[in-house]
């Protein structure tokens, strides 16, 4: 027997239409409780020694270098490093002295990758 069966013990009981179209239910006997499972009593947590600005991730604003690999393009490099292939122009602008044609880069070239 499934819970939606029109049988005793199903959610519809013996008559699925019995309570249909009665409007909204009467919830006047429902109450709420604002109690919490959080720690009660004692002193509140002390966060006075917490400082901001520290991060375990690399600084995304610092420039880095990238060595071109076979099959790379500026858009592939941008997708890998910035998450957006359309940011290829940032790499091109930072390396105009090394790139004659943005559609033609070569393995072994080292590019400066500007930070975000």
PDB file of N, CA and C in Angstrom:
ATOM      1  N   UNK A   1       0.850  -1.170   0.000  1.00  0.00           N
ATOM      2  CA  UNK A   1       0.000   0.000   0.000  1.00  0.00           C
ATOM      3  C   UNK A   1       0.896   1.233   0.000  1.00  0.00           C
ATOM      4  N   UNK A   2       0.600   2.189  -0.855  1.00  0.00           N
ATOM      5  CA  UNK A   2       1.342   3.436  -0.907  1.00  0.00           C
ATOM      6  C   UNK A   2       0.655   4.486  -0.055  1.00  0.00           C
ATOM      7  N   UNK A   3       1.383   5.521   0.288  1.00  0.00           N
ATOM      8  CA  UNK A   3       0.790   6.542   1.152  1.00  0.00           C
ATOM      9  C   UNK A   3      -0.294   7.341   0.444  1.00  0.00           C
ATOM     10  N   UNK A   4      -0.300   7.320  -0.872  1.00  0.00           N
ATOM     11  CA  UNK A   4      -1.304   8.080  -1.602  1.00  0.00           C
ATOM     12  C   UNK A   4      -2.518   7.230  -1.982  1.00  0.00           C
ATOM     13  N   UNK A   5      -2.505   5.967  -1.602  1.00  0.00           N
ATOM     14  CA  UNK A   5      -3.635   5.090  -1.916  1.00  0.00           C
ATOM     15  C   UNK A   5      -4.887   5.560  -1.193  1.00  0.00           C
ATOM     16  N   UNK A   6      -6.008   5.365  -1.806  1.00  0.00           N
ATOM     17  CA  UNK A   6      -7.293   5.721  -1.207  1.00  0.00           C
ATOM     18  C   UNK A   6      -7.778   4.531  -0.383  1.00  0.00           C
ATOM     19  N   UNK A   7      -7.000   4.177   0.621  1.00  0.00           N
ATOM     20  CA  UNK A   7      -7.317   3.045   1.489  1.00  0.00           C
ATOM     21  C   UNK A   7      -7.059   3.476   2.926  1.00  0.00           C
ATOM     22  N   UNK A   8      -7.658   2.816   3.883  1.00  0.00           N
ATOM     23  CA  UNK A   8      -7.362   3.149   5.271  1.00  0.00           C
ATOM     24  C   UNK A   8      -5.855   3.104   5.508  1.00  0.00           C
ATOM     25  N   UNK A   9      -5.350   4.124   6.153  1.00  0.00           N
ATOM     26  CA  UNK A   9      -3.921   4.197   6.422  1.00  0.00           C
ATOM     27  C   UNK A   9      -3.187   5.064   5.413  1.00  0.00           C
ATOM     28  N   UNK A  10      -3.800   5.332   4.255  1.00  0.00           N
ATOM     29  CA  UNK A  10      -3.195   6.236   3.278  1.00  0.00           C
ATOM     30  C   UNK A  10      -3.442   7.665   3.707  1.00  0.00           C
ATOM     31  N   UNK A  11      -2.795   8.610   3.089  1.00  0.00           N
ATOM     32  CA  UNK A  11      -2.979   9.991   3.527  1.00  0.00           C
ATOM     33  C   UNK A  11      -4.363  10.521   3.204  1.00  0.00           C
ATOM     34  N   UNK A  12      -5.041   9.884   2.271  1.00  0.00           N
ATOM     35  CA  UNK A  12      -6.381  10.347   1.933  1.00  0.00           C
ATOM     36  C   UNK A  12      -7.465   9.629   2.726  1.00  0.00           C
ATOM     37  N   UNK A  13      -7.078   8.630   3.494  1.00  0.00           N
ATOM     38  CA  UNK A  13      -8.068   7.891   4.286  1.00  0.00           C
ATOM     39  C   UNK A  13      -9.059   7.192   3.376  1.00  0.00           C
ATOM     40  N   UNK A  14     -10.311   7.163   3.793  1.00  0.00           N
ATOM     41  CA  UNK A  14     -11.337   6.478   3.011  1.00  0.00           C
ATOM     42  C   UNK A  14     -11.955   7.365   1.940  1.00  0.00           C
ATOM     43  N   UNK A  15     -11.875   8.678   2.098  1.00  0.00           N
ATOM     44  CA  UNK A  15     -12.547   9.579   1.176  1.00  0.00           C
ATOM     45  C   UNK A  15     -11.638  10.760   0.853  1.00  0.00           C
ATOM     46  N   UNK A  16     -10.890  10.684  -0.265  1.00  0.00           N
ATOM     47  CA  UNK A  16      -9.958  11.753  -0.572  1.00  0.00           C
ATOM     48  C   UNK A  16     -10.632  13.085  -0.824  1.00  0.00           C
ATOM     49  N   UNK A  17     -11.888  13.107  -1.187  1.00  0.00           N
ATOM     50  CA  UNK A  17     -12.593  14.349  -1.448  1.00  0.00           C
ATOM     51  C   UNK A  17     -13.253  14.925  -0.212  1.00  0.00           C
ATOM     52  N   UNK A  18     -13.202  14.227   0.872  1.00  0.00           N
ATOM     53  CA  UNK A  18     -13.908  14.613   2.089  1.00  0.00           C
ATOM     54  C   UNK A  18     -13.498  15.997   2.589  1.00  0.00           C
ATOM     55  N   UNK A  19     -12.194  16.306   2.558  1.00  0.00           N
ATOM     56  CA  UNK A  19     -11.718  17.586   3.074  1.00  0.00           C
ATOM     57  C   UNK A  19     -11.382  18.569   1.965  1.00  0.00           C
ATOM     58  N   UNK A  20     -11.719  18.233   0.739  1.00  0.00           N
ATOM     59  CA  UNK A  20     -11.392  19.114  -0.379  1.00  0.00           C
ATOM     60  C   UNK A  20     -12.218  20.386  -0.318  1.00  0.00           C
ATOM     61  N   UNK A  21     -11.617  21.489  -0.739  1.00  0.00           N
ATOM     62  CA  UNK A  21     -12.280  22.787  -0.853  1.00  0.00           C
ATOM     63  C   UNK A  21     -12.857  23.297   0.457  1.00  0.00           C
ATOM     64  N   UNK A  22     -12.229  23.015   1.557  1.00  0.00           N
ATOM     65  CA  UNK A  22     -12.710  23.526   2.834  1.00  0.00           C
ATOM     66  C   UNK A  22     -12.044  24.860   3.174  1.00  0.00           C
ATOM     67  N   UNK A  23     -11.208  25.373   2.272  1.00  0.00           N
ATOM     68  CA  UNK A  23     -10.519  26.622   2.566  1.00  0.00           C
ATOM     69  C   UNK A  23      -9.287  26.349   3.395  1.00  0.00           C
ATOM     70  N   UNK A  24      -8.744  27.398   3.971  1.00  0.00           N
ATOM     71  CA  UNK A  24      -7.528  27.217   4.751  1.00  0.00           C
ATOM     72  C   UNK A  24      -7.857  26.528   6.066  1.00  0.00           C
ATOM     73  N   UNK A  25      -6.891  25.777   6.551  1.00  0.00           N
ATOM     74  CA  UNK A  25      -7.088  25.031   7.789  1.00  0.00           C
ATOM     75  C   UNK A  25      -7.086  25.941   9.006  1.00  0.00           C
ATOM     76  N   UNK A  26      -7.553  25.411  10.101  1.00  0.00           N
ATOM     77  CA  UNK A  26      -7.590  26.151  11.359  1.00  0.00           C
ATOM     78  C   UNK A  26      -6.301  25.856  12.099  1.00  0.00           C
ATOM     79  N   UNK A  27      -5.439  26.842  12.163  1.00  0.00           N
ATOM     80  CA  UNK A  27      -4.164  26.684  12.844  1.00  0.00           C
ATOM     81  C   UNK A  27      -4.130  27.483  14.141  1.00  0.00           C
ATOM     82  N   UNK A  28      -5.287  27.766  14.713  1.00  0.00           N
ATOM     83  CA  UNK A  28      -5.350  28.592  15.920  1.00  0.00           C
ATOM     84  C   UNK A  28      -4.701  27.923  17.122  1.00  0.00           C
ATOM     85  N   UNK A  29      -4.544  26.609  17.089  1.00  0.00           N
ATOM     86  CA  UNK A  29      -3.943  25.925  18.230  1.00  0.00           C
ATOM     87  C   UNK A  29      -2.439  25.704  18.051  1.00  0.00           C
ATOM     88  N   UNK A  30      -1.859  26.240  16.995  1.00  0.00           N
ATOM     89  CA  UNK A  30      -0.435  26.075  16.735  1.00  0.00           C
ATOM     90  C   UNK A  30       0.328  27.168  17.453  1.00  0.00           C
ATOM     91  N   UNK A  31       1.405  26.801  18.096  1.00  0.00           N
ATOM     92  CA  UNK A  31       2.239  27.792  18.778  1.00  0.00           C
ATOM     93  C   UNK A  31       3.672  27.633  18.304  1.00  0.00           C
ATOM     94  N   UNK A  32       4.451  28.627  18.553  1.00  0.00           N
ATOM     95  CA  UNK A  32       5.861  28.552  18.177  1.00  0.00           C
ATOM     96  C   UNK A  32       6.709  28.661  19.428  1.00  0.00           C
ATOM     97  N   UNK A  33       7.929  28.241  19.296  1.00  0.00           N
ATOM     98  CA  UNK A  33       8.860  28.268  20.411  1.00  0.00           C
ATOM     99  C   UNK A  33      10.136  28.928  19.929  1.00  0.00           C
ATOM    100  N   UNK A  34      10.605  29.912  20.639  1.00  0.00           N
ATOM    101  CA  UNK A  34      11.818  30.611  20.238  1.00  0.00           C
ATOM    102  C   UNK A  34      13.040  30.096  20.973  1.00  0.00           C
ATOM    103  N   UNK A  35      12.910  28.935  21.600  1.00  0.00           N
ATOM    104  CA  UNK A  35      14.067  28.396  22.303  1.00  0.00           C
ATOM    105  C   UNK A  35      15.123  27.985  21.291  1.00  0.00           C
ATOM    106  N   UNK A  36      16.334  27.865  21.763  1.00  0.00           N
ATOM    107  CA  UNK A  36      17.450  27.559  20.890  1.00  0.00           C
ATOM    108  C   UNK A  36      18.259  26.427  21.487  1.00  0.00           C
ATOM    109  N   UNK A  37      18.969  25.757  20.621  1.00  0.00           N
ATOM    110  CA  UNK A  37      19.881  24.727  21.111  1.00  0.00           C
ATOM    111  C   UNK A  37      21.250  25.326  21.371  1.00  0.00           C
ATOM    112  N   UNK A  38      21.379  26.636  21.170  1.00  0.00           N
ATOM    113  CA  UNK A  38      22.652  27.308  21.403  1.00  0.00           C
ATOM    114  C   UNK A  38      22.990  27.302  22.887  1.00  0.00           C
ATOM    115  N   UNK A  39      24.253  27.481  23.163  1.00  0.00           N
ATOM    116  CA  UNK A  39      24.741  27.513  24.543  1.00  0.00           C
ATOM    117  C   UNK A  39      24.042  28.642  25.291  1.00  0.00           C
ATOM    118  N   UNK A  40      23.555  28.340  26.467  1.00  0.00           N
ATOM    119  CA  UNK A  40      22.908  29.364  27.281  1.00  0.00           C
ATOM    120  C   UNK A  40      23.671  29.524  28.575  1.00  0.00           C
ATOM    121  N   UNK A  41      23.541  30.680  29.159  1.00  0.00           N
ATOM    122  CA  UNK A  41      24.219  30.929  30.422  1.00  0.00           C
ATOM    123  C   UNK A  41      25.691  31.204  30.202  1.00  0.00           C
ATOM    124  N   UNK A  42      26.336  31.726  31.204  1.00  0.00           N
ATOM    125  CA  UNK A  42      27.761  32.017  31.096  1.00  0.00           C
ATOM    126  C   UNK A  42      28.026  33.222  30.216  1.00  0.00           C
ATOM    127  N   UNK A  43      29.284  33.520  30.008  1.00  0.00           N
ATOM    128  CA  UNK A  43      29.682  34.680  29.214  1.00  0.00           C
ATOM    129  C   UNK A  43      29.535  34.378  27.721  1.00  0.00           C
ATOM    130  N   UNK A  44      29.234  35.407  26.954  1.00  0.00           N
ATOM    131  CA  UNK A  44      29.155  35.204  25.500  1.00  0.00           C
ATOM    132  C   UNK A  44      30.545  34.903  24.939  1.00  0.00           C
ATOM    133  N   UNK A  45      30.574  34.347  23.761  1.00  0.00           N
ATOM    134  CA  UNK A  45      31.847  34.010  23.131  1.00  0.00           C
ATOM    135  C   UNK A  45      32.696  35.259  22.945  1.00  0.00           C
ATOM    136  N   UNK A  46      33.993  35.135  23.129  1.00  0.00           N
ATOM    137  CA  UNK A  46      34.915  36.262  23.015  1.00  0.00           C
ATOM    138  C   UNK A  46      35.677  36.165  21.698  1.00  0.00           C
ATOM    139  N   UNK A  47      35.416  37.102  20.803  1.00  0.00           N
ATOM    140  CA  UNK A  47      36.094  37.136  19.515  1.00  0.00           C
ATOM    141  C   UNK A  47      37.056  38.319  19.425  1.00  0.00           C
ATOM    142  N   UNK A  48      37.485  38.865  20.561  1.00  0.00           N
ATOM    143  CA  UNK A  48      38.326  40.055  20.558  1.00  0.00           C
ATOM    144  C   UNK A  48      39.692  39.819  19.934  1.00  0.00           C
ATOM    145  N   UNK A  49      40.153  38.569  19.876  1.00  0.00           N
ATOM    146  CA  UNK A  49      41.464  38.300  19.300  1.00  0.00           C
ATOM    147  C   UNK A  49      41.403  37.968  17.814  1.00  0.00           C
ATOM    148  N   UNK A  50      40.232  38.043  17.201  1.00  0.00           N
ATOM    149  CA  UNK A  50      40.069  37.733  15.786  1.00  0.00           C
ATOM    150  C   UNK A  50      40.417  38.966  14.972  1.00  0.00           C
ATOM    151  N   UNK A  51      41.249  38.770  13.950  1.00  0.00           N
ATOM    152  CA  UNK A  51      41.602  39.879  13.072  1.00  0.00           C
ATOM    153  C   UNK A  51      41.155  39.562  11.660  1.00  0.00           C
ATOM    154  N   UNK A  52      40.961  40.587  10.866  1.00  0.00           N
ATOM    155  CA  UNK A  52      40.555  40.374   9.481  1.00  0.00           C
ATOM    156  C   UNK A  52      41.736  40.593   8.562  1.00  0.00           C
ATOM    157  N   UNK A  53      41.558  40.195   7.324  1.00  0.00           N
ATOM    158  CA  UNK A  53      42.576  40.435   6.322  1.00  0.00           C
ATOM    159  C   UNK A  53      43.493  39.259   6.072  1.00  0.00           C
ATOM    160  N   UNK A  54      43.543  38.303   6.943  1.00  0.00           N
ATOM    161  CA  UNK A  54      44.409  37.153   6.738  1.00  0.00           C
ATOM    162  C   UNK A  54      43.693  36.143   5.855  1.00  0.00           C
ATOM    163  N   UNK A  55      44.461  35.523   4.986  1.00  0.00           N
ATOM    164  CA  UNK A  55      43.882  34.535   4.098  1.00  0.00           C
ATOM    165  C   UNK A  55      44.905  33.463   3.799  1.00  0.00           C
ATOM    166  N   UNK A  56      44.428  32.250   3.663  1.00  0.00           N
ATOM    167  CA  UNK A  56      45.339  31.161   3.336  1.00  0.00           C
ATOM    168  C   UNK A  56      45.432  30.964   1.832  1.00  0.00           C
ATOM    169  N   UNK A  57      44.656  31.723   1.059  1.00  0.00           N
ATOM    170  CA  UNK A  57      44.703  31.591  -0.390  1.00  0.00           C
ATOM    171  C   UNK A  57      45.711  32.575  -0.966  1.00  0.00           C
ATOM    172  N   UNK A  58      46.138  32.323  -2.187  1.00  0.00           N
ATOM    173  CA  UNK A  58      47.093  33.203  -2.844  1.00  0.00           C
ATOM    174  C   UNK A  58      46.464  34.564  -3.085  1.00  0.00           C
ATOM    175  N   UNK A  59      47.285  35.579  -3.101  1.00  0.00           N
ATOM    176  CA  UNK A  59      46.812  36.943  -3.339  1.00  0.00           C
ATOM    177  C   UNK A  59      46.440  37.087  -4.805  1.00  0.00           C
ATOM    178  N   UNK A  60      45.164  37.256  -5.093  1.00  0.00           N
ATOM    179  CA  UNK A  60      44.704  37.332  -6.473  1.00  0.00           C
ATOM    180  C   UNK A  60      45.017  38.673  -7.108  1.00  0.00           C
ATOM    181  N   UNK A  61      45.475  39.652  -6.332  1.00  0.00           N
ATOM    182  CA  UNK A  61      45.796  40.949  -6.894  1.00  0.00           C
ATOM    183  C   UNK A  61      47.248  41.017  -7.360  1.00  0.00           C
ATOM    184  N   UNK A  62      48.073  40.088  -6.950  1.00  0.00           N
ATOM    185  CA  UNK A  62      49.475  40.088  -7.343  1.00  0.00           C
ATOM    186  C   UNK A  62      49.627  39.493  -8.739  1.00  0.00           C
ATOM    187  N   UNK A  63      50.547  40.067  -9.519  1.00  0.00           N
ATOM    188  CA  UNK A  63      50.832  39.537 -10.841  1.00  0.00           C
ATOM    189  C   UNK A  63      51.612  38.228 -10.685  1.00  0.00           C
ATOM    190  N   UNK A  64      51.449  37.356 -11.648  1.00  0.00           N
ATOM    191  CA  UNK A  64      52.186  36.100 -11.653  1.00  0.00           C
ATOM    192  C   UNK A  64      52.690  35.848 -13.070  1.00  0.00           C
ATOM    193  N   UNK A  65      53.510  34.842 -13.234  1.00  0.00           N
ATOM    194  CA  UNK A  65      53.967  34.503 -14.572  1.00  0.00           C
ATOM    195  C   UNK A  65      53.355  33.177 -14.989  1.00  0.00           C
ATOM    196  N   UNK A  66      53.224  33.016 -16.294  1.00  0.00           N
ATOM    197  CA  UNK A  66      52.670  31.792 -16.852  1.00  0.00           C
ATOM    198  C   UNK A  66      53.519  31.413 -18.061  1.00  0.00           C
ATOM    199  N   UNK A  67      53.922  30.150 -18.122  1.00  0.00           N
ATOM    200  CA  UNK A  67      54.658  29.637 -19.269  1.00  0.00           C
ATOM    201  C   UNK A  67      53.683  28.929 -20.194  1.00  0.00           C
ATOM    202  N   UNK A  68      53.662  29.370 -21.449  1.00  0.00           N
ATOM    203  CA  UNK A  68      52.731  28.829 -22.445  1.00  0.00           C
ATOM    204  C   UNK A  68      53.066  27.372 -22.719  1.00  0.00           C
ATOM    205  N   UNK A  69      52.020  26.555 -22.757  1.00  0.00           N
ATOM    206  CA  UNK A  69      52.148  25.131 -23.058  1.00  0.00           C
ATOM    207  C   UNK A  69      51.540  24.861 -24.432  1.00  0.00           C
ATOM    208  N   UNK A  70      51.897  23.755 -25.017  1.00  0.00           N
ATOM    209  CA  UNK A  70      51.352  23.370 -26.318  1.00  0.00           C
ATOM    210  C   UNK A  70      49.832  23.293 -26.241  1.00  0.00           C
ATOM    211  N   UNK A  71      49.155  23.895 -27.185  1.00  0.00           N
ATOM    212  CA  UNK A  71      47.694  23.884 -27.211  1.00  0.00           C
ATOM    213  C   UNK A  71      47.069  25.084 -26.516  1.00  0.00           C
ATOM    214  N   UNK A  72      47.872  25.886 -25.839  1.00  0.00           N
ATOM    215  CA  UNK A  72      47.354  27.070 -25.150  1.00  0.00           C
ATOM    216  C   UNK A  72      46.980  28.164 -26.150  1.00  0.00           C
ATOM    217  N   UNK A  73      46.031  28.965 -25.738  1.00  0.00           N
ATOM    218  CA  UNK A  73      45.682  30.208 -26.415  1.00  0.00           C
ATOM    219  C   UNK A  73      45.472  31.224 -25.302  1.00  0.00           C
ATOM    220  N   UNK A  74      45.424  32.492 -25.649  1.00  0.00           N
ATOM    221  CA  UNK A  74      45.200  33.494 -24.613  1.00  0.00           C
ATOM    222  C   UNK A  74      43.862  33.280 -23.921  1.00  0.00           C
ATOM    223  N   UNK A  75      42.846  32.879 -24.691  1.00  0.00           N
ATOM    224  CA  UNK A  75      41.537  32.661 -24.072  1.00  0.00           C
ATOM    225  C   UNK A  75      41.540  31.433 -23.153  1.00  0.00           C
ATOM    226  N   UNK A  76      42.282  30.381 -23.521  1.00  0.00           N
ATOM    227  CA  UNK A  76      42.372  29.201 -22.647  1.00  0.00           C
ATOM    228  C   UNK A  76      43.108  29.548 -21.351  1.00  0.00           C
ATOM    229  N   UNK A  77      44.159  30.341 -21.483  1.00  0.00           N
ATOM    230  CA  UNK A  77      44.909  30.753 -20.293  1.00  0.00           C
ATOM    231  C   UNK A  77      44.018  31.611 -19.396  1.00  0.00           C
ATOM    232  N   UNK A  78      43.285  32.551 -20.012  1.00  0.00           N
ATOM    233  CA  UNK A  78      42.386  33.420 -19.239  1.00  0.00           C
ATOM    234  C   UNK A  78      41.312  32.596 -18.541  1.00  0.00           C
ATOM    235  N   UNK A  79      40.747  31.604 -19.233  1.00  0.00           N
ATOM    236  CA  UNK A  79      39.718  30.749 -18.632  1.00  0.00           C
ATOM    237  C   UNK A  79      40.294  30.010 -17.423  1.00  0.00           C
ATOM    238  N   UNK A  80      41.502  29.496 -17.586  1.00  0.00           N
ATOM    239  CA  UNK A  80      42.150  28.740 -16.503  1.00  0.00           C
ATOM    240  C   UNK A  80      42.467  29.626 -15.300  1.00  0.00           C
ATOM    241  N   UNK A  81      42.966  30.840 -15.561  1.00  0.00           N
ATOM    242  CA  UNK A  81      43.438  31.687 -14.468  1.00  0.00           C
ATOM    243  C   UNK A  81      42.402  32.660 -13.927  1.00  0.00           C
ATOM    244  N   UNK A  82      41.494  33.117 -14.785  1.00  0.00           N
ATOM    245  CA  UNK A  82      40.487  34.083 -14.356  1.00  0.00           C
ATOM    246  C   UNK A  82      39.080  33.495 -14.286  1.00  0.00           C
ATOM    247  N   UNK A  83      38.897  32.312 -14.901  1.00  0.00           N
ATOM    248  CA  UNK A  83      37.559  31.727 -14.924  1.00  0.00           C
ATOM    249  C   UNK A  83      36.686  32.299 -16.029  1.00  0.00           C
ATOM    250  N   UNK A  84      37.271  33.131 -16.914  1.00  0.00           N
ATOM    251  CA  UNK A  84      36.514  33.768 -17.992  1.00  0.00           C
ATOM    252  C   UNK A  84      37.422  33.919 -19.200  1.00  0.00           C
ATOM    253  N   UNK A  85      37.139  33.184 -20.268  1.00  0.00           N
ATOM    254  CA  UNK A  85      37.960  33.230 -21.474  1.00  0.00           C
ATOM    255  C   UNK A  85      37.986  34.624 -22.084  1.00  0.00           C
ATOM    256  N   UNK A  86      36.941  35.403 -21.863  1.00  0.00           N
ATOM    257  CA  UNK A  86      36.860  36.746 -22.409  1.00  0.00           C
ATOM    258  C   UNK A  86      37.857  37.722 -21.809  1.00  0.00           C
ATOM    259  N   UNK A  87      38.556  37.320 -20.771  1.00  0.00           N
ATOM    260  CA  UNK A  87      39.552  38.173 -20.127  1.00  0.00           C
ATOM    261  C   UNK A  87      40.924  38.053 -20.794  1.00  0.00           C
ATOM    262  N   UNK A  88      40.990  37.387 -21.958  1.00  0.00           N
ATOM    263  CA  UNK A  88      42.263  37.190 -22.654  1.00  0.00           C
ATOM    264  C   UNK A  88      42.954  38.510 -22.935  1.00  0.00           C
ATOM    265  N   UNK A  89      42.197  39.571 -23.183  1.00  0.00           N
ATOM    266  CA  UNK A  89      42.781  40.871 -23.542  1.00  0.00           C
ATOM    267  C   UNK A  89      43.637  41.438 -22.421  1.00  0.00           C
ATOM    268  N   UNK A  90      43.328  41.094 -21.171  1.00  0.00           N
ATOM    269  CA  UNK A  90      44.145  41.556 -20.040  1.00  0.00           C
ATOM    270  C   UNK A  90      45.555  40.991 -20.144  1.00  0.00           C
ATOM    271  N   UNK A  91      45.632  39.714 -20.504  1.00  0.00           N
ATOM    272  CA  UNK A  91      46.940  39.080 -20.661  1.00  0.00           C
ATOM    273  C   UNK A  91      47.671  39.695 -21.850  1.00  0.00           C
ATOM    274  N   UNK A  92      46.945  39.899 -22.940  1.00  0.00           N
ATOM    275  CA  UNK A  92      47.540  40.491 -24.133  1.00  0.00           C
ATOM    276  C   UNK A  92      48.089  41.887 -23.842  1.00  0.00           C
ATOM    277  N   UNK A  93      47.304  42.720 -23.205  1.00  0.00           N
ATOM    278  CA  UNK A  93      47.731  44.096 -22.917  1.00  0.00           C
ATOM    279  C   UNK A  93      48.967  44.124 -22.017  1.00  0.00           C
ATOM    280  N   UNK A  94      49.049  43.191 -21.077  1.00  0.00           N
ATOM    281  CA  UNK A  94      50.193  43.160 -20.165  1.00  0.00           C
ATOM    282  C   UNK A  94      51.456  42.604 -20.825  1.00  0.00           C
ATOM    283  N   UNK A  95      51.297  41.990 -21.993  1.00  0.00           N
ATOM    284  CA  UNK A  95      52.425  41.332 -22.654  1.00  0.00           C
ATOM    285  C   UNK A  95      52.572  41.747 -24.113  1.00  0.00           C
ATOM    286  N   UNK A  96      52.136  42.934 -24.455  1.00  0.00           N
ATOM    287  CA  UNK A  96      52.202  43.404 -25.852  1.00  0.00           C
ATOM    288  C   UNK A  96      53.624  43.371 -26.399  1.00  0.00           C
ATOM    289  N   UNK A  97      54.588  43.564 -25.523  1.00  0.00           N
ATOM    290  CA  UNK A  97      55.981  43.540 -25.968  1.00  0.00           C
ATOM    291  C   UNK A  97      56.445  42.132 -26.345  1.00  0.00           C
ATOM    292  N   UNK A  98      55.726  41.096 -25.909  1.00  0.00           N
ATOM    293  CA  UNK A  98      56.095  39.709 -26.189  1.00  0.00           C
ATOM    294  C   UNK A  98      55.162  39.053 -27.206  1.00  0.00           C
ATOM    295  N   UNK A  99      54.022  39.671 -27.468  1.00  0.00           N
ATOM    296  CA  UNK A  99      53.012  39.070 -28.338  1.00  0.00           C
ATOM    297  C   UNK A  99      52.811  39.956 -29.564  1.00  0.00           C
ATOM    298  N   UNK A 100      53.205  39.447 -30.734  1.00  0.00           N
ATOM    299  CA  UNK A 100      52.991  40.187 -31.979  1.00  0.00           C
ATOM    300  C   UNK A 100      51.562  40.012 -32.473  1.00  0.00           C
ATOM    301  N   UNK A 101      51.043  38.797 -32.344  1.00  0.00           N
ATOM    302  CA  UNK A 101      49.695  38.467 -32.807  1.00  0.00           C
ATOM    303  C   UNK A 101      49.002  37.697 -31.686  1.00  0.00           C
ATOM    304  N   UNK A 102      47.899  38.227 -31.118  1.00  0.00           N
ATOM    305  CA  UNK A 102      47.247  37.530 -30.000  1.00  0.00           C
ATOM    306  C   UNK A 102      46.709  36.147 -30.363  1.00  0.00           C
ATOM    307  N   UNK A 103      46.571  35.873 -31.653  1.00  0.00           N
ATOM    308  CA  UNK A 103      46.112  34.546 -32.081  1.00  0.00           C
ATOM    309  C   UNK A 103      47.268  33.581 -32.287  1.00  0.00           C
ATOM    310  N   UNK A 104      48.491  34.049 -32.073  1.00  0.00           N
ATOM    311  CA  UNK A 104      49.660  33.207 -32.336  1.00  0.00           C
ATOM    312  C   UNK A 104      50.658  33.334 -31.186  1.00  0.00           C
ATOM    313  N   UNK A 105      50.527  32.449 -30.218  1.00  0.00           N
ATOM    314  CA  UNK A 105      51.485  32.389 -29.115  1.00  0.00           C
ATOM    315  C   UNK A 105      52.184  31.039 -29.185  1.00  0.00           C
ATOM    316  N   UNK A 106      53.335  30.934 -28.563  1.00  0.00           N
ATOM    317  CA  UNK A 106      54.169  29.741 -28.720  1.00  0.00           C
ATOM    318  C   UNK A 106      54.526  29.119 -27.377  1.00  0.00           C
ATOM    319  N   UNK A 107      54.595  27.770 -27.334  1.00  0.00           N
ATOM    320  CA  UNK A 107      55.018  27.101 -26.113  1.00  0.00           C
ATOM    321  C   UNK A 107      56.379  27.620 -25.663  1.00  0.00           C
ATOM    322  N   UNK A 108      56.517  27.814 -24.370  1.00  0.00           N
ATOM    323  CA  UNK A 108      57.763  28.298 -23.794  1.00  0.00           C
ATOM    324  C   UNK A 108      57.763  29.798 -23.524  1.00  0.00           C
ATOM    325  N   UNK A 109      56.855  30.540 -24.182  1.00  0.00           N
ATOM    326  CA  UNK A 109      56.784  31.968 -23.890  1.00  0.00           C
ATOM    327  C   UNK A 109      56.326  32.155 -22.450  1.00  0.00           C
ATOM    328  N   UNK A 110      56.905  33.148 -21.792  1.00  0.00           N
ATOM    329  CA  UNK A 110      56.503  33.464 -20.423  1.00  0.00           C
ATOM    330  C   UNK A 110      55.766  34.792 -20.427  1.00  0.00           C
ATOM    331  N   UNK A 111      54.539  34.751 -19.896  1.00  0.00           N
ATOM    332  CA  UNK A 111      53.708  35.945 -19.854  1.00  0.00           C
ATOM    333  C   UNK A 111      53.495  36.376 -18.413  1.00  0.00           C
ATOM    334  N   UNK A 112      53.403  37.685 -18.244  1.00  0.00           N
ATOM    335  CA  UNK A 112      53.004  38.245 -16.969  1.00  0.00           C
ATOM    336  C   UNK A 112      51.484  38.211 -16.931  1.00  0.00           C
ATOM    337  N   UNK A 113      50.934  37.653 -15.874  1.00  0.00           N
ATOM    338  CA  UNK A 113      49.479  37.563 -15.712  1.00  0.00           C
ATOM    339  C   UNK A 113      49.066  38.582 -14.654  1.00  0.00           C
ATOM    340  N   UNK A 114      48.391  39.648 -15.090  1.00  0.00           N
ATOM    341  CA  UNK A 114      47.970  40.661 -14.099  1.00  0.00           C
ATOM    342  C   UNK A 114      46.956  40.093 -13.114  1.00  0.00           C
ATOM    343  N   UNK A 115      47.066  40.537 -11.878  1.00  0.00           N
ATOM    344  CA  UNK A 115      46.103  40.119 -10.852  1.00  0.00           C
ATOM    345  C   UNK A 115      44.767  40.775 -11.073  1.00  0.00           C
ATOM    346  N   UNK A 116      43.777  40.331 -10.324  1.00  0.00           N
ATOM    347  CA  UNK A 116      42.432  40.889 -10.493  1.00  0.00           C
ATOM    348  C   UNK A 116      42.197  42.061  -9.593  1.00  0.00           C
TER     349      UNK A 116
END
